[in-house]
């Protein structure tokens, strides 16, 4: 079973992603803040982290290396409404980069691709 952590400050995005990804039989947890993400990955393991970039406390590009340090084998997908970050050097440390969409088909495919299912 695939375990996914959603890190996004928008309640509606977290709810949508959680409901859709759970419908595939996956275990999904979600958090709204970077500090919550750090706490949870120190306690639990995930196959994939779906990480927003624009967040109020610590942005996803700053959080990414901290998550890599804690859980180096977990796949991380940057998921943002802004395509401009794709060329940012810091985004290259992610396993993939997706622009947010209400159609989660591409996200589902990327997760399956990254975990090899």
PDB file of N, CA and C in Angstrom:
ATOM      1  N   UNK A   1       0.837  -1.180   0.000  1.00  0.00           N
ATOM      2  CA  UNK A   1       0.000   0.000   0.000  1.00  0.00           C
ATOM      3  C   UNK A   1       0.888   1.252   0.000  1.00  0.00           C
ATOM      4  N   UNK A   2       0.570   2.192  -0.853  1.00  0.00           N
ATOM      5  CA  UNK A   2       1.336   3.428  -0.973  1.00  0.00           C
ATOM      6  C   UNK A   2       0.940   4.384   0.147  1.00  0.00           C
ATOM      7  N   UNK A   3       1.964   4.957   0.790  1.00  0.00           N
ATOM      8  CA  UNK A   3       1.749   5.948   1.854  1.00  0.00           C
ATOM      9  C   UNK A   3       2.189   7.321   1.359  1.00  0.00           C
ATOM     10  N   UNK A   4       1.267   8.291   1.418  1.00  0.00           N
ATOM     11  CA  UNK A   4       1.519   9.624   0.881  1.00  0.00           C
ATOM     12  C   UNK A   4       1.301  10.667   1.968  1.00  0.00           C
ATOM     13  N   UNK A   5       2.198  11.652   2.007  1.00  0.00           N
ATOM     14  CA  UNK A   5       2.034  12.811   2.875  1.00  0.00           C
ATOM     15  C   UNK A   5       1.819  14.035   1.991  1.00  0.00           C
ATOM     16  N   UNK A   6       0.730  14.752   2.226  1.00  0.00           N
ATOM     17  CA  UNK A   6       0.434  15.993   1.518  1.00  0.00           C
ATOM     18  C   UNK A   6       0.822  17.148   2.436  1.00  0.00           C
ATOM     19  N   UNK A   7       1.665  18.059   1.941  1.00  0.00           N
ATOM     20  CA  UNK A   7       2.059  19.239   2.698  1.00  0.00           C
ATOM     21  C   UNK A   7       1.599  20.456   1.904  1.00  0.00           C
ATOM     22  N   UNK A   8       0.525  21.089   2.359  1.00  0.00           N
ATOM     23  CA  UNK A   8      -0.056  22.226   1.635  1.00  0.00           C
ATOM     24  C   UNK A   8      -0.844  23.080   2.616  1.00  0.00           C
ATOM     25  N   UNK A   9      -0.688  24.382   2.532  1.00  0.00           N
ATOM     26  CA  UNK A   9      -1.376  25.265   3.471  1.00  0.00           C
ATOM     27  C   UNK A   9      -2.836  25.511   3.103  1.00  0.00           C
ATOM     28  N   UNK A  10      -3.268  25.109   1.927  1.00  0.00           N
ATOM     29  CA  UNK A  10      -4.657  25.318   1.509  1.00  0.00           C
ATOM     30  C   UNK A  10      -5.519  24.115   1.905  1.00  0.00           C
ATOM     31  N   UNK A  11      -6.510  24.392   2.747  1.00  0.00           N
ATOM     32  CA  UNK A  11      -7.399  23.330   3.235  1.00  0.00           C
ATOM     33  C   UNK A  11      -8.087  22.574   2.104  1.00  0.00           C
ATOM     34  N   UNK A  12      -8.590  23.301   1.113  1.00  0.00           N
ATOM     35  CA  UNK A  12      -9.326  22.649   0.020  1.00  0.00           C
ATOM     36  C   UNK A  12      -8.426  21.737  -0.804  1.00  0.00           C
ATOM     37  N   UNK A  13      -7.185  22.133  -1.003  1.00  0.00           N
ATOM     38  CA  UNK A  13      -6.241  21.296  -1.757  1.00  0.00           C
ATOM     39  C   UNK A  13      -5.954  20.020  -0.975  1.00  0.00           C
ATOM     40  N   UNK A  14      -5.672  20.164   0.309  1.00  0.00           N
ATOM     41  CA  UNK A  14      -5.393  18.979   1.134  1.00  0.00           C
ATOM     42  C   UNK A  14      -6.571  18.021   1.134  1.00  0.00           C
ATOM     43  N   UNK A  15      -7.771  18.549   1.297  1.00  0.00           N
ATOM     44  CA  UNK A  15      -8.964  17.709   1.328  1.00  0.00           C
ATOM     45  C   UNK A  15      -9.175  16.999  -0.012  1.00  0.00           C
ATOM     46  N   UNK A  16      -9.083  17.730  -1.110  1.00  0.00           N
ATOM     47  CA  UNK A  16      -9.244  17.134  -2.439  1.00  0.00           C
ATOM     48  C   UNK A  16      -8.216  16.036  -2.677  1.00  0.00           C
ATOM     49  N   UNK A  17      -6.959  16.345  -2.450  1.00  0.00           N
ATOM     50  CA  UNK A  17      -5.898  15.371  -2.691  1.00  0.00           C
ATOM     51  C   UNK A  17      -6.076  14.134  -1.809  1.00  0.00           C
ATOM     52  N   UNK A  18      -6.398  14.356  -0.543  1.00  0.00           N
ATOM     53  CA  UNK A  18      -6.558  13.226   0.361  1.00  0.00           C
ATOM     54  C   UNK A  18      -7.703  12.326  -0.083  1.00  0.00           C
ATOM     55  N   UNK A  19      -8.845  12.908  -0.399  1.00  0.00           N
ATOM     56  CA  UNK A  19     -10.012  12.117  -0.813  1.00  0.00           C
ATOM     57  C   UNK A  19      -9.722  11.332  -2.094  1.00  0.00           C
ATOM     58  N   UNK A  20      -9.142  11.989  -3.078  1.00  0.00           N
ATOM     59  CA  UNK A  20      -8.875  11.319  -4.364  1.00  0.00           C
ATOM     60  C   UNK A  20      -7.825  10.223  -4.200  1.00  0.00           C
ATOM     61  N   UNK A  21      -6.727  10.524  -3.530  1.00  0.00           N
ATOM     62  CA  UNK A  21      -5.664   9.522  -3.394  1.00  0.00           C
ATOM     63  C   UNK A  21      -6.091   8.347  -2.514  1.00  0.00           C
ATOM     64  N   UNK A  22      -6.914   8.610  -1.508  1.00  0.00           N
ATOM     65  CA  UNK A  22      -7.437   7.509  -0.696  1.00  0.00           C
ATOM     66  C   UNK A  22      -8.380   6.621  -1.500  1.00  0.00           C
ATOM     67  N   UNK A  23      -9.023   7.186  -2.515  1.00  0.00           N
ATOM     68  CA  UNK A  23      -9.928   6.384  -3.342  1.00  0.00           C
ATOM     69  C   UNK A  23      -9.174   5.320  -4.142  1.00  0.00           C
ATOM     70  N   UNK A  24      -7.846   5.460  -4.254  1.00  0.00           N
ATOM     71  CA  UNK A  24      -7.019   4.444  -4.914  1.00  0.00           C
ATOM     72  C   UNK A  24      -6.562   3.369  -3.935  1.00  0.00           C
ATOM     73  N   UNK A  25      -7.011   3.485  -2.688  1.00  0.00           N
ATOM     74  CA  UNK A  25      -6.609   2.523  -1.678  1.00  0.00           C
ATOM     75  C   UNK A  25      -5.316   2.889  -0.984  1.00  0.00           C
ATOM     76  N   UNK A  26      -4.827   4.095  -1.183  1.00  0.00           N
ATOM     77  CA  UNK A  26      -3.588   4.529  -0.567  1.00  0.00           C
ATOM     78  C   UNK A  26      -3.857   5.126   0.811  1.00  0.00           C
ATOM     79  N   UNK A  27      -2.852   5.101   1.666  1.00  0.00           N
ATOM     80  CA  UNK A  27      -2.917   5.750   2.959  1.00  0.00           C
ATOM     81  C   UNK A  27      -2.387   7.166   2.788  1.00  0.00           C
ATOM     82  N   UNK A  28      -3.184   8.151   3.167  1.00  0.00           N
ATOM     83  CA  UNK A  28      -2.819   9.546   2.945  1.00  0.00           C
ATOM     84  C   UNK A  28      -2.977  10.324   4.246  1.00  0.00           C
ATOM     85  N   UNK A  29      -1.958  11.095   4.566  1.00  0.00           N
ATOM     86  CA  UNK A  29      -2.027  12.037   5.677  1.00  0.00           C
ATOM     87  C   UNK A  29      -1.718  13.406   5.107  1.00  0.00           C
ATOM     88  N   UNK A  30      -2.223  14.438   5.767  1.00  0.00           N
ATOM     89  CA  UNK A  30      -1.950  15.778   5.272  1.00  0.00           C
ATOM     90  C   UNK A  30      -1.672  16.721   6.427  1.00  0.00           C
ATOM     91  N   UNK A  31      -0.805  17.690   6.144  1.00  0.00           N
ATOM     92  CA  UNK A  31      -0.464  18.724   7.127  1.00  0.00           C
ATOM     93  C   UNK A  31      -0.442  20.070   6.418  1.00  0.00           C
ATOM     94  N   UNK A  32      -0.631  21.128   7.207  1.00  0.00           N
ATOM     95  CA  UNK A  32      -0.743  22.471   6.641  1.00  0.00           C
ATOM     96  C   UNK A  32       0.544  23.287   6.731  1.00  0.00           C
ATOM     97  N   UNK A  33       1.480  22.858   7.563  1.00  0.00           N
ATOM     98  CA  UNK A  33       2.670  23.673   7.812  1.00  0.00           C
ATOM     99  C   UNK A  33       3.943  22.848   7.755  1.00  0.00           C
ATOM    100  N   UNK A  34       5.024  23.521   7.461  1.00  0.00           N
ATOM    101  CA  UNK A  34       6.326  22.869   7.344  1.00  0.00           C
ATOM    102  C   UNK A  34       6.745  22.180   8.641  1.00  0.00           C
ATOM    103  N   UNK A  35       6.540  22.844   9.755  1.00  0.00           N
ATOM    104  CA  UNK A  35       6.942  22.248  11.037  1.00  0.00           C
ATOM    105  C   UNK A  35       6.172  20.958  11.312  1.00  0.00           C
ATOM    106  N   UNK A  36       4.896  20.918  10.931  1.00  0.00           N
ATOM    107  CA  UNK A  36       4.110  19.688  11.085  1.00  0.00           C
ATOM    108  C   UNK A  36       4.690  18.580  10.207  1.00  0.00           C
ATOM    109  N   UNK A  37       5.115  18.954   9.007  1.00  0.00           N
ATOM    110  CA  UNK A  37       5.704  17.965   8.095  1.00  0.00           C
ATOM    111  C   UNK A  37       6.980  17.382   8.683  1.00  0.00           C
ATOM    112  N   UNK A  38       7.799  18.238   9.241  1.00  0.00           N
ATOM    113  CA  UNK A  38       9.042  17.768   9.850  1.00  0.00           C
ATOM    114  C   UNK A  38       8.742  16.804  10.998  1.00  0.00           C
ATOM    115  N   UNK A  39       7.803  17.169  11.850  1.00  0.00           N
ATOM    116  CA  UNK A  39       7.436  16.302  12.979  1.00  0.00           C
ATOM    117  C   UNK A  39       6.944  14.939  12.524  1.00  0.00           C
ATOM    118  N   UNK A  40       6.068  14.931  11.526  1.00  0.00           N
ATOM    119  CA  UNK A  40       5.462  13.660  11.120  1.00  0.00           C
ATOM    120  C   UNK A  40       6.459  12.749  10.407  1.00  0.00           C
ATOM    121  N   UNK A  41       7.385  13.312   9.602  1.00  0.00           N
ATOM    122  CA  UNK A  41       8.347  12.428   8.924  1.00  0.00           C
ATOM    123  C   UNK A  41       9.416  11.921   9.878  1.00  0.00           C
ATOM    124  N   UNK A  42       9.548  12.561  11.034  1.00  0.00           N
ATOM    125  CA  UNK A  42      10.456  12.036  12.053  1.00  0.00           C
ATOM    126  C   UNK A  42       9.839  10.838  12.777  1.00  0.00           C
ATOM    127  N   UNK A  43       8.505  10.730  12.713  1.00  0.00           N
ATOM    128  CA  UNK A  43       7.799   9.675  13.431  1.00  0.00           C
ATOM    129  C   UNK A  43       7.292   8.552  12.535  1.00  0.00           C
ATOM    130  N   UNK A  44       6.996   8.878  11.272  1.00  0.00           N
ATOM    131  CA  UNK A  44       6.393   7.898  10.369  1.00  0.00           C
ATOM    132  C   UNK A  44       7.120   7.907   9.029  1.00  0.00           C
ATOM    133  N   UNK A  45       6.946   6.803   8.293  1.00  0.00           N
ATOM    134  CA  UNK A  45       7.572   6.736   6.971  1.00  0.00           C
ATOM    135  C   UNK A  45       6.504   6.848   5.886  1.00  0.00           C
ATOM    136  N   UNK A  46       6.899   7.461   4.777  1.00  0.00           N
ATOM    137  CA  UNK A  46       6.025   7.653   3.621  1.00  0.00           C
ATOM    138  C   UNK A  46       6.782   7.256   2.370  1.00  0.00           C
ATOM    139  N   UNK A  47       6.035   6.816   1.384  1.00  0.00           N
ATOM    140  CA  UNK A  47       6.640   6.523   0.088  1.00  0.00           C
ATOM    141  C   UNK A  47       6.865   7.805  -0.706  1.00  0.00           C
ATOM    142  N   UNK A  48       5.903   8.728  -0.588  1.00  0.00           N
ATOM    143  CA  UNK A  48       5.932   9.966  -1.361  1.00  0.00           C
ATOM    144  C   UNK A  48       5.441  11.123  -0.496  1.00  0.00           C
ATOM    145  N   UNK A  49       6.101  12.274  -0.669  1.00  0.00           N
ATOM    146  CA  UNK A  49       5.632  13.519  -0.074  1.00  0.00           C
ATOM    147  C   UNK A  49       5.264  14.449  -1.224  1.00  0.00           C
ATOM    148  N   UNK A  50       4.038  14.967  -1.199  1.00  0.00           N
ATOM    149  CA  UNK A  50       3.585  15.946  -2.185  1.00  0.00           C
ATOM    150  C   UNK A  50       3.667  17.295  -1.487  1.00  0.00           C
ATOM    151  N   UNK A  51       4.584  18.130  -1.953  1.00  0.00           N
ATOM    152  CA  UNK A  51       4.995  19.324  -1.234  1.00  0.00           C
ATOM    153  C   UNK A  51       4.667  20.600  -2.003  1.00  0.00           C
ATOM    154  N   UNK A  52       3.850  21.446  -1.393  1.00  0.00           N
ATOM    155  CA  UNK A  52       3.547  22.764  -1.947  1.00  0.00           C
ATOM    156  C   UNK A  52       4.782  23.654  -1.779  1.00  0.00           C
ATOM    157  N   UNK A  53       4.904  24.674  -2.622  1.00  0.00           N
ATOM    158  CA  UNK A  53       6.031  25.600  -2.490  1.00  0.00           C
ATOM    159  C   UNK A  53       5.626  26.848  -1.710  1.00  0.00           C
ATOM    160  N   UNK A  54       4.560  27.505  -2.130  1.00  0.00           N
ATOM    161  CA  UNK A  54       4.128  28.750  -1.496  1.00  0.00           C
ATOM    162  C   UNK A  54       3.349  28.456  -0.217  1.00  0.00           C
ATOM    163  N   UNK A  55       4.062  28.521   0.912  1.00  0.00           N
ATOM    164  CA  UNK A  55       3.431  28.334   2.214  1.00  0.00           C
ATOM    165  C   UNK A  55       3.894  29.471   3.128  1.00  0.00           C
ATOM    166  N   UNK A  56       3.092  29.833   4.121  1.00  0.00           N
ATOM    167  CA  UNK A  56       3.401  31.020   4.912  1.00  0.00           C
ATOM    168  C   UNK A  56       4.589  30.906   5.868  1.00  0.00           C
ATOM    169  N   UNK A  57       4.836  29.756   6.435  1.00  0.00           N
ATOM    170  CA  UNK A  57       5.904  29.679   7.435  1.00  0.00           C
ATOM    171  C   UNK A  57       7.269  29.421   6.796  1.00  0.00           C
ATOM    172  N   UNK A  58       7.438  28.297   6.212  1.00  0.00           N
ATOM    173  CA  UNK A  58       8.665  27.942   5.486  1.00  0.00           C
ATOM    174  C   UNK A  58       8.211  27.466   4.121  1.00  0.00           C
ATOM    175  N   UNK A  59       8.764  28.012   3.061  1.00  0.00           N
ATOM    176  CA  UNK A  59       8.288  27.570   1.751  1.00  0.00           C
ATOM    177  C   UNK A  59       8.856  26.195   1.412  1.00  0.00           C
ATOM    178  N   UNK A  60       8.231  25.555   0.441  1.00  0.00           N
ATOM    179  CA  UNK A  60       8.595  24.197   0.078  1.00  0.00           C
ATOM    180  C   UNK A  60      10.030  24.030  -0.387  1.00  0.00           C
ATOM    181  N   UNK A  61      10.589  25.062  -1.021  1.00  0.00           N
ATOM    182  CA  UNK A  61      11.980  24.962  -1.476  1.00  0.00           C
ATOM    183  C   UNK A  61      12.950  24.975  -0.306  1.00  0.00           C
ATOM    184  N   UNK A  62      12.577  25.653   0.780  1.00  0.00           N
ATOM    185  CA  UNK A  62      13.396  25.635   1.991  1.00  0.00           C
ATOM    186  C   UNK A  62      13.188  24.340   2.771  1.00  0.00           C
ATOM    187  N   UNK A  63      11.974  23.834   2.740  1.00  0.00           N
ATOM    188  CA  UNK A  63      11.641  22.611   3.463  1.00  0.00           C
ATOM    189  C   UNK A  63      12.222  21.367   2.798  1.00  0.00           C
ATOM    190  N   UNK A  64      12.310  21.371   1.498  1.00  0.00           N
ATOM    191  CA  UNK A  64      12.770  20.205   0.729  1.00  0.00           C
ATOM    192  C   UNK A  64      14.091  19.627   1.247  1.00  0.00           C
ATOM    193  N   UNK A  65      15.171  20.408   1.400  1.00  0.00           N
ATOM    194  CA  UNK A  65      16.418  19.792   1.889  1.00  0.00           C
ATOM    195  C   UNK A  65      16.313  19.271   3.322  1.00  0.00           C
ATOM    196  N   UNK A  66      15.470  19.894   4.130  1.00  0.00           N
ATOM    197  CA  UNK A  66      15.288  19.419   5.501  1.00  0.00           C
ATOM    198  C   UNK A  66      14.596  18.057   5.499  1.00  0.00           C
ATOM    199  N   UNK A  67      13.607  17.891   4.627  1.00  0.00           N
ATOM    200  CA  UNK A  67      12.934  16.600   4.513  1.00  0.00           C
ATOM    201  C   UNK A  67      13.888  15.541   3.976  1.00  0.00           C
ATOM    202  N   UNK A  68      14.707  15.911   2.989  1.00  0.00           N
ATOM    203  CA  UNK A  68      15.688  14.970   2.426  1.00  0.00           C
ATOM    204  C   UNK A  68      16.657  14.481   3.489  1.00  0.00           C
ATOM    205  N   UNK A  69      17.036  15.393   4.383  1.00  0.00           N
ATOM    206  CA  UNK A  69      17.963  15.037   5.442  1.00  0.00           C
ATOM    207  C   UNK A  69      17.338  14.025   6.406  1.00  0.00           C
ATOM    208  N   UNK A  70      16.073  14.227   6.726  1.00  0.00           N
ATOM    209  CA  UNK A  70      15.371  13.350   7.673  1.00  0.00           C
ATOM    210  C   UNK A  70      15.029  12.006   7.035  1.00  0.00           C
ATOM    211  N   UNK A  71      14.559  12.039   5.797  1.00  0.00           N
ATOM    212  CA  UNK A  71      14.077  10.828   5.134  1.00  0.00           C
ATOM    213  C   UNK A  71      14.584  10.780   3.690  1.00  0.00           C
ATOM    214  N   UNK A  72      15.857  10.442   3.510  1.00  0.00           N
ATOM    215  CA  UNK A  72      16.487  10.529   2.180  1.00  0.00           C
ATOM    216  C   UNK A  72      15.894   9.610   1.107  1.00  0.00           C
ATOM    217  N   UNK A  73      15.238   8.539   1.501  1.00  0.00           N
ATOM    218  CA  UNK A  73      14.702   7.603   0.510  1.00  0.00           C
ATOM    219  C   UNK A  73      13.270   7.910   0.084  1.00  0.00           C
ATOM    220  N   UNK A  74      12.627   8.847   0.754  1.00  0.00           N
ATOM    221  CA  UNK A  74      11.252   9.197   0.404  1.00  0.00           C
ATOM    222  C   UNK A  74      11.250  10.053  -0.854  1.00  0.00           C
ATOM    223  N   UNK A  75      10.385   9.710  -1.788  1.00  0.00           N
ATOM    224  CA  UNK A  75      10.242  10.480  -3.020  1.00  0.00           C
ATOM    225  C   UNK A  75       9.478  11.764  -2.713  1.00  0.00           C
ATOM    226  N   UNK A  76       9.920  12.872  -3.317  1.00  0.00           N
ATOM    227  CA  UNK A  76       9.276  14.156  -3.075  1.00  0.00           C
ATOM    228  C   UNK A  76       8.866  14.780  -4.403  1.00  0.00           C
ATOM    229  N   UNK A  77       7.580  15.135  -4.477  1.00  0.00           N
ATOM    230  CA  UNK A  77       7.037  15.819  -5.644  1.00  0.00           C
ATOM    231  C   UNK A  77       6.695  17.247  -5.235  1.00  0.00           C
ATOM    232  N   UNK A  78       7.322  18.215  -5.882  1.00  0.00           N
ATOM    233  CA  UNK A  78       6.921  19.603  -5.668  1.00  0.00           C
ATOM    234  C   UNK A  78       5.637  19.816  -6.447  1.00  0.00           C
ATOM    235  N   UNK A  79       4.662  20.414  -5.800  1.00  0.00           N
ATOM    236  CA  UNK A  79       3.342  20.582  -6.395  1.00  0.00           C
ATOM    237  C   UNK A  79       2.888  22.009  -6.117  1.00  0.00           C
ATOM    238  N   UNK A  80       2.884  22.836  -7.146  1.00  0.00           N
ATOM    239  CA  UNK A  80       2.630  24.254  -6.946  1.00  0.00           C
ATOM    240  C   UNK A  80       1.766  24.825  -8.054  1.00  0.00           C
ATOM    241  N   UNK A  81       1.156  25.948  -7.781  1.00  0.00           N
ATOM    242  CA  UNK A  81       0.352  26.639  -8.793  1.00  0.00           C
ATOM    243  C   UNK A  81       1.239  27.472  -9.718  1.00  0.00           C
ATOM    244  N   UNK A  82       2.521  27.561  -9.417  1.00  0.00           N
ATOM    245  CA  UNK A  82       3.428  28.448 -10.154  1.00  0.00           C
ATOM    246  C   UNK A  82       4.488  27.658 -10.906  1.00  0.00           C
ATOM    247  N   UNK A  83       4.463  27.745 -12.215  1.00  0.00           N
ATOM    248  CA  UNK A  83       5.451  27.022 -13.020  1.00  0.00           C
ATOM    249  C   UNK A  83       6.818  27.685 -12.978  1.00  0.00           C
ATOM    250  N   UNK A  84       6.898  28.922 -12.526  1.00  0.00           N
ATOM    251  CA  UNK A  84       8.159  29.662 -12.508  1.00  0.00           C
ATOM    252  C   UNK A  84       9.224  28.991 -11.641  1.00  0.00           C
ATOM    253  N   UNK A  85       8.823  28.272 -10.616  1.00  0.00           N
ATOM    254  CA  UNK A  85       9.786  27.627  -9.725  1.00  0.00           C
ATOM    255  C   UNK A  85      10.489  26.428 -10.369  1.00  0.00           C
ATOM    256  N   UNK A  86       9.969  25.964 -11.475  1.00  0.00           N
ATOM    257  CA  UNK A  86      10.558  24.783 -12.123  1.00  0.00           C
ATOM    258  C   UNK A  86      12.012  25.029 -12.521  1.00  0.00           C
ATOM    259  N   UNK A  87      12.347  26.279 -12.821  1.00  0.00           N
ATOM    260  CA  UNK A  87      13.723  26.595 -13.218  1.00  0.00           C
ATOM    261  C   UNK A  87      14.600  26.982 -12.029  1.00  0.00           C
ATOM    262  N   UNK A  88      14.032  27.051 -10.841  1.00  0.00           N
ATOM    263  CA  UNK A  88      14.801  27.369  -9.641  1.00  0.00           C
ATOM    264  C   UNK A  88      15.685  26.176  -9.295  1.00  0.00           C
ATOM    265  N   UNK A  89      16.948  26.431  -9.109  1.00  0.00           N
ATOM    266  CA  UNK A  89      17.915  25.383  -8.810  1.00  0.00           C
ATOM    267  C   UNK A  89      17.476  24.500  -7.647  1.00  0.00           C
ATOM    268  N   UNK A  90      16.866  25.085  -6.628  1.00  0.00           N
ATOM    269  CA  UNK A  90      16.447  24.317  -5.448  1.00  0.00           C
ATOM    270  C   UNK A  90      15.384  23.269  -5.779  1.00  0.00           C
ATOM    271  N   UNK A  91      14.591  23.520  -6.798  1.00  0.00           N
ATOM    272  CA  UNK A  91      13.543  22.555  -7.161  1.00  0.00           C
ATOM    273  C   UNK A  91      14.133  21.286  -7.781  1.00  0.00           C
ATOM    274  N   UNK A  92      15.362  21.349  -8.211  1.00  0.00           N
ATOM    275  CA  UNK A  92      15.998  20.189  -8.831  1.00  0.00           C
ATOM    276  C   UNK A  92      16.236  19.062  -7.835  1.00  0.00           C
ATOM    277  N   UNK A  93      16.161  19.355  -6.555  1.00  0.00           N
ATOM    278  CA  UNK A  93      16.365  18.327  -5.532  1.00  0.00           C
ATOM    279  C   UNK A  93      15.131  17.466  -5.318  1.00  0.00           C
ATOM    280  N   UNK A  94      14.024  17.871  -5.933  1.00  0.00           N
ATOM    281  CA  UNK A  94      12.798  17.063  -5.854  1.00  0.00           C
ATOM    282  C   UNK A  94      12.870  15.950  -6.895  1.00  0.00           C
ATOM    283  N   UNK A  95      12.089  14.920  -6.686  1.00  0.00           N
ATOM    284  CA  UNK A  95      12.035  13.821  -7.655  1.00  0.00           C
ATOM    285  C   UNK A  95      11.170  14.178  -8.856  1.00  0.00           C
ATOM    286  N   UNK A  96      10.236  15.099  -8.656  1.00  0.00           N
ATOM    287  CA  UNK A  96       9.383  15.546  -9.757  1.00  0.00           C
ATOM    288  C   UNK A  96       8.763  16.884  -9.402  1.00  0.00           C
ATOM    289  N   UNK A  97       8.174  17.526 -10.394  1.00  0.00           N
ATOM    290  CA  UNK A  97       7.595  18.862 -10.242  1.00  0.00           C
ATOM    291  C   UNK A  97       6.311  18.889 -11.049  1.00  0.00           C
ATOM    292  N   UNK A  98       5.214  19.206 -10.391  1.00  0.00           N
ATOM    293  CA  UNK A  98       3.930  19.285 -11.079  1.00  0.00           C
ATOM    294  C   UNK A  98       3.245  20.608 -10.765  1.00  0.00           C
ATOM    295  N   UNK A  99       2.573  21.156 -11.760  1.00  0.00           N
ATOM    296  CA  UNK A  99       1.745  22.334 -11.543  1.00  0.00           C
ATOM    297  C   UNK A  99       0.380  21.838 -11.084  1.00  0.00           C
ATOM    298  N   UNK A 100      -0.157  22.467 -10.034  1.00  0.00           N
ATOM    299  CA  UNK A 100      -1.433  22.032  -9.454  1.00  0.00           C
ATOM    300  C   UNK A 100      -2.550  22.029 -10.482  1.00  0.00           C
ATOM    301  N   UNK A 101      -3.425  21.058 -10.318  1.00  0.00           N
ATOM    302  CA  UNK A 101      -4.582  20.913 -11.179  1.00  0.00           C
ATOM    303  C   UNK A 101      -5.681  20.218 -10.388  1.00  0.00           C
ATOM    304  N   UNK A 102      -6.924  20.483 -10.753  1.00  0.00           N
ATOM    305  CA  UNK A 102      -8.015  19.759 -10.100  1.00  0.00           C
ATOM    306  C   UNK A 102      -8.130  18.331 -10.637  1.00  0.00           C
ATOM    307  N   UNK A 103      -7.509  18.074 -11.790  1.00  0.00           N
ATOM    308  CA  UNK A 103      -7.435  16.729 -12.349  1.00  0.00           C
ATOM    309  C   UNK A 103      -6.162  16.082 -11.801  1.00  0.00           C
ATOM    310  N   UNK A 104      -6.317  15.105 -10.947  1.00  0.00           N
ATOM    311  CA  UNK A 104      -5.165  14.503 -10.277  1.00  0.00           C
ATOM    312  C   UNK A 104      -4.603  13.281 -10.992  1.00  0.00           C
ATOM    313  N   UNK A 105      -4.980  13.094 -12.241  1.00  0.00           N
ATOM    314  CA  UNK A 105      -4.494  11.953 -13.016  1.00  0.00           C
ATOM    315  C   UNK A 105      -2.969  11.955 -13.124  1.00  0.00           C
ATOM    316  N   UNK A 106      -2.402  13.110 -13.450  1.00  0.00           N
ATOM    317  CA  UNK A 106      -0.943  13.187 -13.598  1.00  0.00           C
ATOM    318  C   UNK A 106      -0.246  12.943 -12.261  1.00  0.00           C
ATOM    319  N   UNK A 107      -0.793  13.477 -11.182  1.00  0.00           N
ATOM    320  CA  UNK A 107      -0.209  13.255  -9.861  1.00  0.00           C
ATOM    321  C   UNK A 107      -0.236  11.773  -9.515  1.00  0.00           C
ATOM    322  N   UNK A 108      -1.355  11.120  -9.756  1.00  0.00           N
ATOM    323  CA  UNK A 108      -1.469   9.686  -9.498  1.00  0.00           C
ATOM    324  C   UNK A 108      -0.417   8.911 -10.294  1.00  0.00           C
ATOM    325  N   UNK A 109      -0.279   9.246 -11.575  1.00  0.00           N
ATOM    326  CA  UNK A 109       0.693   8.560 -12.429  1.00  0.00           C
ATOM    327  C   UNK A 109       2.122   8.768 -11.933  1.00  0.00           C
ATOM    328  N   UNK A 110       2.444   9.982 -11.522  1.00  0.00           N
ATOM    329  CA  UNK A 110       3.799  10.273 -11.032  1.00  0.00           C
ATOM    330  C   UNK A 110       4.083   9.509  -9.752  1.00  0.00           C
ATOM    331  N   UNK A 111       3.120   9.456  -8.857  1.00  0.00           N
ATOM    332  CA  UNK A 111       3.313   8.716  -7.607  1.00  0.00           C
ATOM    333  C   UNK A 111       3.561   7.248  -7.906  1.00  0.00           C
ATOM    334  N   UNK A 112       2.745   6.658  -8.768  1.00  0.00           N
ATOM    335  CA  UNK A 112       2.926   5.243  -9.122  1.00  0.00           C
ATOM    336  C   UNK A 112       4.277   5.019  -9.789  1.00  0.00           C
ATOM    337  N   UNK A 113       4.677   5.935 -10.634  1.00  0.00           N
ATOM    338  CA  UNK A 113       5.961   5.839 -11.319  1.00  0.00           C
ATOM    339  C   UNK A 113       7.114   5.889 -10.318  1.00  0.00           C
ATOM    340  N   UNK A 114       7.037   6.802  -9.364  1.00  0.00           N
ATOM    341  CA  UNK A 114       8.124   6.974  -8.404  1.00  0.00           C
ATOM    342  C   UNK A 114       8.243   5.830  -7.422  1.00  0.00           C
ATOM    343  N   UNK A 115       7.130   5.214  -7.054  1.00  0.00           N
ATOM    344  CA  UNK A 115       7.202   4.098  -6.094  1.00  0.00           C
ATOM    345  C   UNK A 115       7.261   2.739  -6.794  1.00  0.00           C
ATOM    346  N   UNK A 116       7.155   2.757  -8.102  1.00  0.00           N
ATOM    347  CA  UNK A 116       7.301   1.516  -8.850  1.00  0.00           C
ATOM    348  C   UNK A 116       6.127   0.581  -8.773  1.00  0.00           C
ATOM    349  N   UNK A 117       4.881   1.158  -8.656  1.00  0.00           N
ATOM    350  CA  UNK A 117       3.743   0.259  -8.640  1.00  0.00           C
ATOM    351  C   UNK A 117       3.035   0.217  -9.953  1.00  0.00           C
TER     352      UNK A 117
END
